[in-house]
Amino acid sequence: MIKVIGNRVLIEEIVEDIKSESGIILGNTEISPQKIGKVISVGDSVEEIKVKDKVMFDGYKAFPIELDGKTYLIMEETSVIGVYLWLVHT
């Protein structure tokens, strides 16, 4: 694996199929500039994002790299649009 430095994050993209209301698969989110992924590694200067966070990011500002047969994306923390929050019901 690789440790990113500075304000960069390493993300494994999650590609999800888009379905119509009736359940027909229309394609996937690769056509959208907003992408979803799982954070694999963060640099020392990253403040708001943690490893294993599920995030939405700007796909146009990502640098792809291949490691162990998988493609990952490296980007600056500012390219991450948001972190998914999980609600706990009590």
PDB file of N, CA and C in Angstrom:
ATOM      1  N   MET A   1       0.852  -1.176   0.000  1.00  0.00           N
ATOM      2  CA  MET A   1       0.000   0.000   0.000  1.00  0.00           C
ATOM      3  C   MET A   1       0.896   1.238   0.000  1.00  0.00           C
ATOM      4  N   ILE A   2       0.291   2.377  -0.113  1.00  0.00           N
ATOM      5  CA  ILE A   2       1.024   3.639  -0.171  1.00  0.00           C
ATOM      6  C   ILE A   2       0.498   4.575   0.918  1.00  0.00           C
ATOM      7  N   LYS A   3       1.403   5.308   1.534  1.00  0.00           N
ATOM      8  CA  LYS A   3       1.010   6.338   2.499  1.00  0.00           C
ATOM      9  C   LYS A   3       1.097   7.669   1.777  1.00  0.00           C
ATOM     10  N   VAL A   4      -0.008   8.370   1.706  1.00  0.00           N
ATOM     11  CA  VAL A   4      -0.005   9.681   1.065  1.00  0.00           C
ATOM     12  C   VAL A   4       0.523  10.716   2.051  1.00  0.00           C
ATOM     13  N   ILE A   5       1.027  11.832   1.530  1.00  0.00           N
ATOM     14  CA  ILE A   5       1.616  12.858   2.383  1.00  0.00           C
ATOM     15  C   ILE A   5       0.858  14.172   2.264  1.00  0.00           C
ATOM     16  N   GLY A   6       1.114  15.038   3.222  1.00  0.00           N
ATOM     17  CA  GLY A   6       0.518  16.371   3.191  1.00  0.00           C
ATOM     18  C   GLY A   6      -0.984  16.335   3.367  1.00  0.00           C
ATOM     19  N   ASN A   7      -1.681  17.088   2.505  1.00  0.00           N
ATOM     20  CA  ASN A   7      -3.143  17.197   2.606  1.00  0.00           C
ATOM     21  C   ASN A   7      -3.858  16.289   1.613  1.00  0.00           C
ATOM     22  N   ARG A   8      -3.234  15.168   1.277  1.00  0.00           N
ATOM     23  CA  ARG A   8      -3.802  14.265   0.278  1.00  0.00           C
ATOM     24  C   ARG A   8      -4.483  13.061   0.922  1.00  0.00           C
ATOM     25  N   VAL A   9      -5.423  12.475   0.175  1.00  0.00           N
ATOM     26  CA  VAL A   9      -6.110  11.263   0.615  1.00  0.00           C
ATOM     27  C   VAL A   9      -6.062  10.226  -0.507  1.00  0.00           C
ATOM     28  N   LEU A  10      -6.023   8.957  -0.126  1.00  0.00           N
ATOM     29  CA  LEU A  10      -6.058   7.845  -1.068  1.00  0.00           C
ATOM     30  C   LEU A  10      -7.420   7.200  -0.945  1.00  0.00           C
ATOM     31  N   ILE A  11      -8.143   7.087  -2.062  1.00  0.00           N
ATOM     32  CA  ILE A  11      -9.531   6.626  -2.051  1.00  0.00           C
ATOM     33  C   ILE A  11      -9.716   5.463  -3.019  1.00  0.00           C
ATOM     34  N   GLU A  12     -10.489   4.474  -2.569  1.00  0.00           N
ATOM     35  CA  GLU A  12     -10.936   3.405  -3.452  1.00  0.00           C
ATOM     36  C   GLU A  12     -12.358   3.753  -3.880  1.00  0.00           C
ATOM     37  N   GLU A  13     -12.556   3.958  -5.168  1.00  0.00           N
ATOM     38  CA  GLU A  13     -13.872   4.380  -5.660  1.00  0.00           C
ATOM     39  C   GLU A  13     -14.893   3.265  -5.542  1.00  0.00           C
ATOM     40  N   ILE A  14     -16.109   3.645  -5.169  1.00  0.00           N
ATOM     41  CA  ILE A  14     -17.244   2.724  -5.118  1.00  0.00           C
ATOM     42  C   ILE A  14     -18.137   3.079  -6.306  1.00  0.00           C
ATOM     43  N   VAL A  15     -18.289   2.152  -7.239  1.00  0.00           N
ATOM     44  CA  VAL A  15     -19.128   2.391  -8.413  1.00  0.00           C
ATOM     45  C   VAL A  15     -20.459   1.701  -8.175  1.00  0.00           C
ATOM     46  N   GLU A  16     -21.524   2.490  -8.121  1.00  0.00           N
ATOM     47  CA  GLU A  16     -22.858   1.964  -7.854  1.00  0.00           C
ATOM     48  C   GLU A  16     -23.729   2.106  -9.091  1.00  0.00           C
ATOM     49  N   ASP A  17     -24.547   1.099  -9.335  1.00  0.00           N
ATOM     50  CA  ASP A  17     -25.492   1.173 -10.442  1.00  0.00           C
ATOM     51  C   ASP A  17     -26.613   2.140 -10.112  1.00  0.00           C
ATOM     52  N   ILE A  18     -27.065   2.858 -11.138  1.00  0.00           N
ATOM     53  CA  ILE A  18     -28.216   3.742 -11.011  1.00  0.00           C
ATOM     54  C   ILE A  18     -29.434   2.972 -11.497  1.00  0.00           C
ATOM     55  N   LYS A  19     -30.493   2.921 -10.661  1.00  0.00           N
ATOM     56  CA  LYS A  19     -31.703   2.191 -11.030  1.00  0.00           C
ATOM     57  C   LYS A  19     -32.874   3.156 -11.168  1.00  0.00           C
ATOM     58  N   SER A  20     -33.769   2.821 -12.075  1.00  0.00           N
ATOM     59  CA  SER A  20     -35.006   3.594 -12.204  1.00  0.00           C
ATOM     60  C   SER A  20     -35.935   3.207 -11.063  1.00  0.00           C
ATOM     61  N   GLU A  21     -37.055   3.921 -10.926  1.00  0.00           N
ATOM     62  CA  GLU A  21     -38.021   3.611  -9.871  1.00  0.00           C
ATOM     63  C   GLU A  21     -38.584   2.201 -10.018  1.00  0.00           C
ATOM     64  N   SER A  22     -38.637   1.696 -11.239  1.00  0.00           N
ATOM     65  CA  SER A  22     -39.164   0.344 -11.452  1.00  0.00           C
ATOM     66  C   SER A  22     -38.094  -0.735 -11.297  1.00  0.00           C
ATOM     67  N   GLY A  23     -36.836  -0.335 -11.021  1.00  0.00           N
ATOM     68  CA  GLY A  23     -35.779  -1.304 -10.773  1.00  0.00           C
ATOM     69  C   GLY A  23     -34.892  -1.617 -11.962  1.00  0.00           C
ATOM     70  N   ILE A  24     -35.089  -0.935 -13.072  1.00  0.00           N
ATOM     71  CA  ILE A  24     -34.256  -1.168 -14.253  1.00  0.00           C
ATOM     72  C   ILE A  24     -32.909  -0.491 -14.045  1.00  0.00           C
ATOM     73  N   ILE A  25     -31.813  -1.243 -14.286  1.00  0.00           N
ATOM     74  CA  ILE A  25     -30.470  -0.685 -14.128  1.00  0.00           C
ATOM     75  C   ILE A  25     -30.163   0.186 -15.341  1.00  0.00           C
ATOM     76  N   LEU A  26     -29.873   1.468 -15.076  1.00  0.00           N
ATOM     77  CA  LEU A  26     -29.632   2.436 -16.148  1.00  0.00           C
ATOM     78  C   LEU A  26     -28.148   2.611 -16.453  1.00  0.00           C
ATOM     79  N   GLY A  27     -27.283   2.205 -15.575  1.00  0.00           N
ATOM     80  CA  GLY A  27     -25.851   2.389 -15.753  1.00  0.00           C
ATOM     81  C   GLY A  27     -25.200   2.606 -14.407  1.00  0.00           C
ATOM     82  N   ASN A  28     -24.037   3.277 -14.424  1.00  0.00           N
ATOM     83  CA  ASN A  28     -23.398   3.536 -13.139  1.00  0.00           C
ATOM     84  C   ASN A  28     -22.977   4.987 -13.019  1.00  0.00           C
ATOM     85  N   THR A  29     -22.414   5.329 -11.871  1.00  0.00           N
ATOM     86  CA  THR A  29     -22.104   6.716 -11.563  1.00  0.00           C
ATOM     87  C   THR A  29     -20.821   7.212 -12.221  1.00  0.00           C
ATOM     88  N   GLU A  30     -20.196   6.409 -13.084  1.00  0.00           N
ATOM     89  CA  GLU A  30     -18.962   6.852 -13.727  1.00  0.00           C
ATOM     90  C   GLU A  30     -19.184   8.095 -14.589  1.00  0.00           C
ATOM     91  N   ILE A  31     -20.401   8.375 -15.002  1.00  0.00           N
ATOM     92  CA  ILE A  31     -20.680   9.528 -15.851  1.00  0.00           C
ATOM     93  C   ILE A  31     -20.776  10.820 -15.049  1.00  0.00           C
ATOM     94  N   SER A  32     -20.894  10.722 -13.748  1.00  0.00           N
ATOM     95  CA  SER A  32     -21.074  11.888 -12.897  1.00  0.00           C
ATOM     96  C   SER A  32     -19.734  12.403 -12.380  1.00  0.00           C
ATOM     97  N   PRO A  33     -19.563  13.743 -12.307  1.00  0.00           N
ATOM     98  CA  PRO A  33     -18.320  14.274 -11.738  1.00  0.00           C
ATOM     99  C   PRO A  33     -18.240  14.068 -10.230  1.00  0.00           C
ATOM    100  N   GLN A  34     -19.380  13.857  -9.560  1.00  0.00           N
ATOM    101  CA  GLN A  34     -19.373  13.572  -8.130  1.00  0.00           C
ATOM    102  C   GLN A  34     -19.304  12.061  -7.964  1.00  0.00           C
ATOM    103  N   LYS A  35     -18.297  11.610  -7.232  1.00  0.00           N
ATOM    104  CA  LYS A  35     -18.060  10.182  -7.053  1.00  0.00           C
ATOM    105  C   LYS A  35     -18.133   9.827  -5.577  1.00  0.00           C
ATOM    106  N   ILE A  36     -18.230   8.529  -5.299  1.00  0.00           N
ATOM    107  CA  ILE A  36     -18.271   8.027  -3.933  1.00  0.00           C
ATOM    108  C   ILE A  36     -17.122   7.042  -3.762  1.00  0.00           C
ATOM    109  N   GLY A  37     -16.501   7.059  -2.577  1.00  0.00           N
ATOM    110  CA  GLY A  37     -15.410   6.133  -2.332  1.00  0.00           C
ATOM    111  C   GLY A  37     -15.140   5.918  -0.858  1.00  0.00           C
ATOM    112  N   LYS A  38     -14.249   4.965  -0.599  1.00  0.00           N
ATOM    113  CA  LYS A  38     -13.820   4.638   0.759  1.00  0.00           C
ATOM    114  C   LYS A  38     -12.386   5.114   0.934  1.00  0.00           C
ATOM    115  N   VAL A  39     -12.112   5.826   2.023  1.00  0.00           N
ATOM    116  CA  VAL A  39     -10.777   6.366   2.285  1.00  0.00           C
ATOM    117  C   VAL A  39      -9.871   5.235   2.770  1.00  0.00           C
ATOM    118  N   ILE A  40      -8.731   5.084   2.099  1.00  0.00           N
ATOM    119  CA  ILE A  40      -7.769   4.034   2.416  1.00  0.00           C
ATOM    120  C   ILE A  40      -6.606   4.580   3.249  1.00  0.00           C
ATOM    121  N   SER A  41      -6.168   5.801   2.942  1.00  0.00           N
ATOM    122  CA  SER A  41      -5.037   6.405   3.642  1.00  0.00           C
ATOM    123  C   SER A  41      -5.189   7.925   3.615  1.00  0.00           C
ATOM    124  N   VAL A  42      -4.687   8.595   4.655  1.00  0.00           N
ATOM    125  CA  VAL A  42      -4.723  10.059   4.705  1.00  0.00           C
ATOM    126  C   VAL A  42      -3.340  10.589   5.063  1.00  0.00           C
ATOM    127  N   GLY A  43      -3.017  11.765   4.530  1.00  0.00           N
ATOM    128  CA  GLY A  43      -1.755  12.418   4.842  1.00  0.00           C
ATOM    129  C   GLY A  43      -1.780  13.059   6.227  1.00  0.00           C
ATOM    130  N   ASP A  44      -0.602  13.443   6.716  1.00  0.00           N
ATOM    131  CA  ASP A  44      -0.459  14.017   8.058  1.00  0.00           C
ATOM    132  C   ASP A  44      -1.207  15.335   8.242  1.00  0.00           C
ATOM    133  N   SER A  45      -1.443  16.088   7.178  1.00  0.00           N
ATOM    134  CA  SER A  45      -2.107  17.392   7.289  1.00  0.00           C
ATOM    135  C   SER A  45      -3.623  17.319   7.141  1.00  0.00           C
ATOM    136  N   VAL A  46      -4.164  16.146   6.875  1.00  0.00           N
ATOM    137  CA  VAL A  46      -5.606  15.995   6.704  1.00  0.00           C
ATOM    138  C   VAL A  46      -6.266  16.058   8.078  1.00  0.00           C
ATOM    139  N   GLU A  47      -7.280  16.924   8.200  1.00  0.00           N
ATOM    140  CA  GLU A  47      -7.887  17.169   9.508  1.00  0.00           C
ATOM    141  C   GLU A  47      -9.276  16.569   9.689  1.00  0.00           C
ATOM    142  N   GLU A  48     -10.104  16.557   8.641  1.00  0.00           N
ATOM    143  CA  GLU A  48     -11.510  16.199   8.819  1.00  0.00           C
ATOM    144  C   GLU A  48     -11.896  14.835   8.264  1.00  0.00           C
ATOM    145  N   ILE A  49     -10.962  14.131   7.656  1.00  0.00           N
ATOM    146  CA  ILE A  49     -11.266  12.857   7.014  1.00  0.00           C
ATOM    147  C   ILE A  49     -10.419  11.767   7.667  1.00  0.00           C
ATOM    148  N   LYS A  50     -11.063  10.606   7.909  1.00  0.00           N
ATOM    149  CA  LYS A  50     -10.365   9.493   8.540  1.00  0.00           C
ATOM    150  C   LYS A  50     -10.367   8.276   7.618  1.00  0.00           C
ATOM    151  N   VAL A  51      -9.423   7.367   7.842  1.00  0.00           N
ATOM    152  CA  VAL A  51      -9.389   6.099   7.131  1.00  0.00           C
ATOM    153  C   VAL A  51     -10.713   5.377   7.386  1.00  0.00           C
ATOM    154  N   LYS A  52     -11.247   4.740   6.365  1.00  0.00           N
ATOM    155  CA  LYS A  52     -12.511   3.986   6.347  1.00  0.00           C
ATOM    156  C   LYS A  52     -13.751   4.863   6.198  1.00  0.00           C
ATOM    157  N   ASP A  53     -13.603   6.206   6.157  1.00  0.00           N
ATOM    158  CA  ASP A  53     -14.750   7.069   5.901  1.00  0.00           C
ATOM    159  C   ASP A  53     -15.272   6.820   4.492  1.00  0.00           C
ATOM    160  N   LYS A  54     -16.594   6.896   4.325  1.00  0.00           N
ATOM    161  CA  LYS A  54     -17.214   6.867   2.997  1.00  0.00           C
ATOM    162  C   LYS A  54     -17.435   8.322   2.616  1.00  0.00           C
ATOM    163  N   VAL A  55     -16.876   8.725   1.473  1.00  0.00           N
ATOM    164  CA  VAL A  55     -16.884  10.134   1.097  1.00  0.00           C
ATOM    165  C   VAL A  55     -17.420  10.339  -0.315  1.00  0.00           C
ATOM    166  N   MET A  56     -17.873  11.564  -0.575  1.00  0.00           N
ATOM    167  CA  MET A  56     -18.220  12.008  -1.916  1.00  0.00           C
ATOM    168  C   MET A  56     -17.123  12.984  -2.327  1.00  0.00           C
ATOM    169  N   PHE A  57     -16.646  12.862  -3.573  1.00  0.00           N
ATOM    170  CA  PHE A  57     -15.530  13.698  -4.004  1.00  0.00           C
ATOM    171  C   PHE A  57     -15.686  14.143  -5.444  1.00  0.00           C
ATOM    172  N   ASP A  58     -14.907  15.142  -5.805  1.00  0.00           N
ATOM    173  CA  ASP A  58     -14.884  15.677  -7.168  1.00  0.00           C
ATOM    174  C   ASP A  58     -13.995  14.784  -8.021  1.00  0.00           C
ATOM    175  N   GLY A  59     -14.594  14.022  -8.919  1.00  0.00           N
ATOM    176  CA  GLY A  59     -13.858  13.074  -9.745  1.00  0.00           C
ATOM    177  C   GLY A  59     -12.908  13.707 -10.749  1.00  0.00           C
ATOM    178  N   TYR A  60     -13.095  14.992 -11.036  1.00  0.00           N
ATOM    179  CA  TYR A  60     -12.226  15.649 -12.006  1.00  0.00           C
ATOM    180  C   TYR A  60     -10.872  16.028 -11.425  1.00  0.00           C
ATOM    181  N   LYS A  61     -10.750  16.043 -10.094  1.00  0.00           N
ATOM    182  CA  LYS A  61      -9.511  16.477  -9.456  1.00  0.00           C
ATOM    183  C   LYS A  61      -8.750  15.316  -8.832  1.00  0.00           C
ATOM    184  N   ALA A  62      -9.001  14.109  -9.308  1.00  0.00           N
ATOM    185  CA  ALA A  62      -8.366  12.917  -8.759  1.00  0.00           C
ATOM    186  C   ALA A  62      -7.270  12.413  -9.691  1.00  0.00           C
ATOM    187  N   PHE A  63      -6.203  11.897  -9.092  1.00  0.00           N
ATOM    188  CA  PHE A  63      -5.080  11.323  -9.830  1.00  0.00           C
ATOM    189  C   PHE A  63      -5.123   9.805  -9.657  1.00  0.00           C
ATOM    190  N   PRO A  64      -5.411   9.045 -10.734  1.00  0.00           N
ATOM    191  CA  PRO A  64      -5.513   7.589 -10.592  1.00  0.00           C
ATOM    192  C   PRO A  64      -4.143   6.922 -10.495  1.00  0.00           C
ATOM    193  N   ILE A  65      -4.043   5.879  -9.656  1.00  0.00           N
ATOM    194  CA  ILE A  65      -2.820   5.086  -9.570  1.00  0.00           C
ATOM    195  C   ILE A  65      -3.217   3.624  -9.370  1.00  0.00           C
ATOM    196  N   GLU A  66      -2.411   2.714  -9.874  1.00  0.00           N
ATOM    197  CA  GLU A  66      -2.703   1.297  -9.753  1.00  0.00           C
ATOM    198  C   GLU A  66      -1.781   0.668  -8.722  1.00  0.00           C
ATOM    199  N   LEU A  67      -2.392  -0.045  -7.757  1.00  0.00           N
ATOM    200  CA  LEU A  67      -1.657  -0.753  -6.710  1.00  0.00           C
ATOM    201  C   LEU A  67      -2.260  -2.136  -6.544  1.00  0.00           C
ATOM    202  N   ASP A  68      -1.429  -3.153  -6.577  1.00  0.00           N
ATOM    203  CA  ASP A  68      -1.895  -4.523  -6.359  1.00  0.00           C
ATOM    204  C   ASP A  68      -3.065  -4.898  -7.257  1.00  0.00           C
ATOM    205  N   GLY A  69      -3.050  -4.432  -8.496  1.00  0.00           N
ATOM    206  CA  GLY A  69      -4.087  -4.775  -9.453  1.00  0.00           C
ATOM    207  C   GLY A  69      -5.381  -3.984  -9.319  1.00  0.00           C
ATOM    208  N   LYS A  70      -5.448  -3.036  -8.377  1.00  0.00           N
ATOM    209  CA  LYS A  70      -6.630  -2.197  -8.204  1.00  0.00           C
ATOM    210  C   LYS A  70      -6.281  -0.753  -8.527  1.00  0.00           C
ATOM    211  N   THR A  71      -7.265  -0.012  -8.996  1.00  0.00           N
ATOM    212  CA  THR A  71      -7.061   1.409  -9.263  1.00  0.00           C
ATOM    213  C   THR A  71      -7.582   2.214  -8.089  1.00  0.00           C
ATOM    214  N   TYR A  72      -6.734   3.105  -7.576  1.00  0.00           N
ATOM    215  CA  TYR A  72      -7.086   4.004  -6.485  1.00  0.00           C
ATOM    216  C   TYR A  72      -6.966   5.436  -6.985  1.00  0.00           C
ATOM    217  N   LEU A  73      -7.468   6.375  -6.221  1.00  0.00           N
ATOM    218  CA  LEU A  73      -7.412   7.782  -6.588  1.00  0.00           C
ATOM    219  C   LEU A  73      -6.734   8.565  -5.473  1.00  0.00           C
ATOM    220  N   ILE A  74      -5.809   9.432  -5.853  1.00  0.00           N
ATOM    221  CA  ILE A  74      -5.169  10.336  -4.906  1.00  0.00           C
ATOM    222  C   ILE A  74      -5.667  11.738  -5.217  1.00  0.00           C
ATOM    223  N   MET A  75      -6.045  12.464  -4.165  1.00  0.00           N
ATOM    224  CA  MET A  75      -6.516  13.831  -4.349  1.00  0.00           C
ATOM    225  C   MET A  75      -6.246  14.635  -3.090  1.00  0.00           C
ATOM    226  N   GLU A  76      -6.347  15.950  -3.212  1.00  0.00           N
ATOM    227  CA  GLU A  76      -6.215  16.806  -2.047  1.00  0.00           C
ATOM    228  C   GLU A  76      -7.489  16.744  -1.215  1.00  0.00           C
ATOM    229  N   GLU A  77      -7.347  16.994   0.074  1.00  0.00           N
ATOM    230  CA  GLU A  77      -8.492  16.956   0.982  1.00  0.00           C
ATOM    231  C   GLU A  77      -9.612  17.886   0.517  1.00  0.00           C
ATOM    232  N   THR A  78      -9.264  19.011  -0.097  1.00  0.00           N
ATOM    233  CA  THR A  78     -10.268  19.979  -0.544  1.00  0.00           C
ATOM    234  C   THR A  78     -11.130  19.453  -1.694  1.00  0.00           C
ATOM    235  N   SER A  79     -10.705  18.368  -2.347  1.00  0.00           N
ATOM    236  CA  SER A  79     -11.518  17.766  -3.410  1.00  0.00           C
ATOM    237  C   SER A  79     -12.613  16.871  -2.858  1.00  0.00           C
ATOM    238  N   VAL A  80     -12.555  16.579  -1.553  1.00  0.00           N
ATOM    239  CA  VAL A  80     -13.602  15.790  -0.917  1.00  0.00           C
ATOM    240  C   VAL A  80     -14.755  16.739  -0.578  1.00  0.00           C
ATOM    241  N   ILE A  81     -15.929  16.418  -1.098  1.00  0.00           N
ATOM    242  CA  ILE A  81     -17.105  17.273  -0.936  1.00  0.00           C
ATOM    243  C   ILE A  81     -17.778  17.040   0.406  1.00  0.00           C
ATOM    244  N   GLY A  82     -17.806  15.790   0.850  1.00  0.00           N
ATOM    245  CA  GLY A  82     -18.465  15.488   2.113  1.00  0.00           C
ATOM    246  C   GLY A  82     -18.175  14.088   2.595  1.00  0.00           C
ATOM    247  N   VAL A  83     -18.428  13.862   3.878  1.00  0.00           N
ATOM    248  CA  VAL A  83     -18.263  12.557   4.512  1.00  0.00           C
ATOM    249  C   VAL A  83     -19.649  12.065   4.903  1.00  0.00           C
ATOM    250  N   TYR A  84     -19.971  10.825   4.547  1.00  0.00           N
ATOM    251  CA  TYR A  84     -21.255  10.238   4.921  1.00  0.00           C
ATOM    252  C   TYR A  84     -21.285  10.007   6.422  1.00  0.00           C
ATOM    253  N   LEU A  85     -22.396  10.358   7.049  1.00  0.00           N
ATOM    254  CA  LEU A  85     -22.601  10.134   8.476  1.00  0.00           C
ATOM    255  C   LEU A  85     -23.602   9.011   8.639  1.00  0.00           C
ATOM    256  N   TRP A  86     -23.350   8.145   9.580  1.00  0.00           N
ATOM    257  CA  TRP A  86     -24.250   7.023   9.838  1.00  0.00           C
ATOM    258  C   TRP A  86     -25.070   7.344  11.054  1.00  0.00           C
ATOM    259  N   LEU A  87     -26.381   7.309  10.917  1.00  0.00           N
ATOM    260  CA  LEU A  87     -27.291   7.608  12.009  1.00  0.00           C
ATOM    261  C   LEU A  87     -27.542   6.355  12.827  1.00  0.00           C
ATOM    262  N   VAL A  88     -27.493   6.496  14.127  1.00  0.00           N
ATOM    263  CA  VAL A  88     -27.758   5.381  15.019  1.00  0.00           C
ATOM    264  C   VAL A  88     -29.123   5.597  15.651  1.00  0.00           C
ATOM    265  N   HIS A  89     -30.024   4.645  15.474  1.00  0.00           N
ATOM    266  CA  HIS A  89     -31.367   4.735  16.052  1.00  0.00           C
ATOM    267  C   HIS A  89     -31.375   4.014  17.384  1.00  0.00           C
ATOM    268  N   THR A  90     -31.905   4.678  18.416  1.00  0.00           N
ATOM    269  CA  THR A  90     -31.966   4.044  19.735  1.00  0.00           C
ATOM    270  C   THR A  90     -33.379   3.734  20.138  1.00  0.00           C
TER     271      THR A  90
END
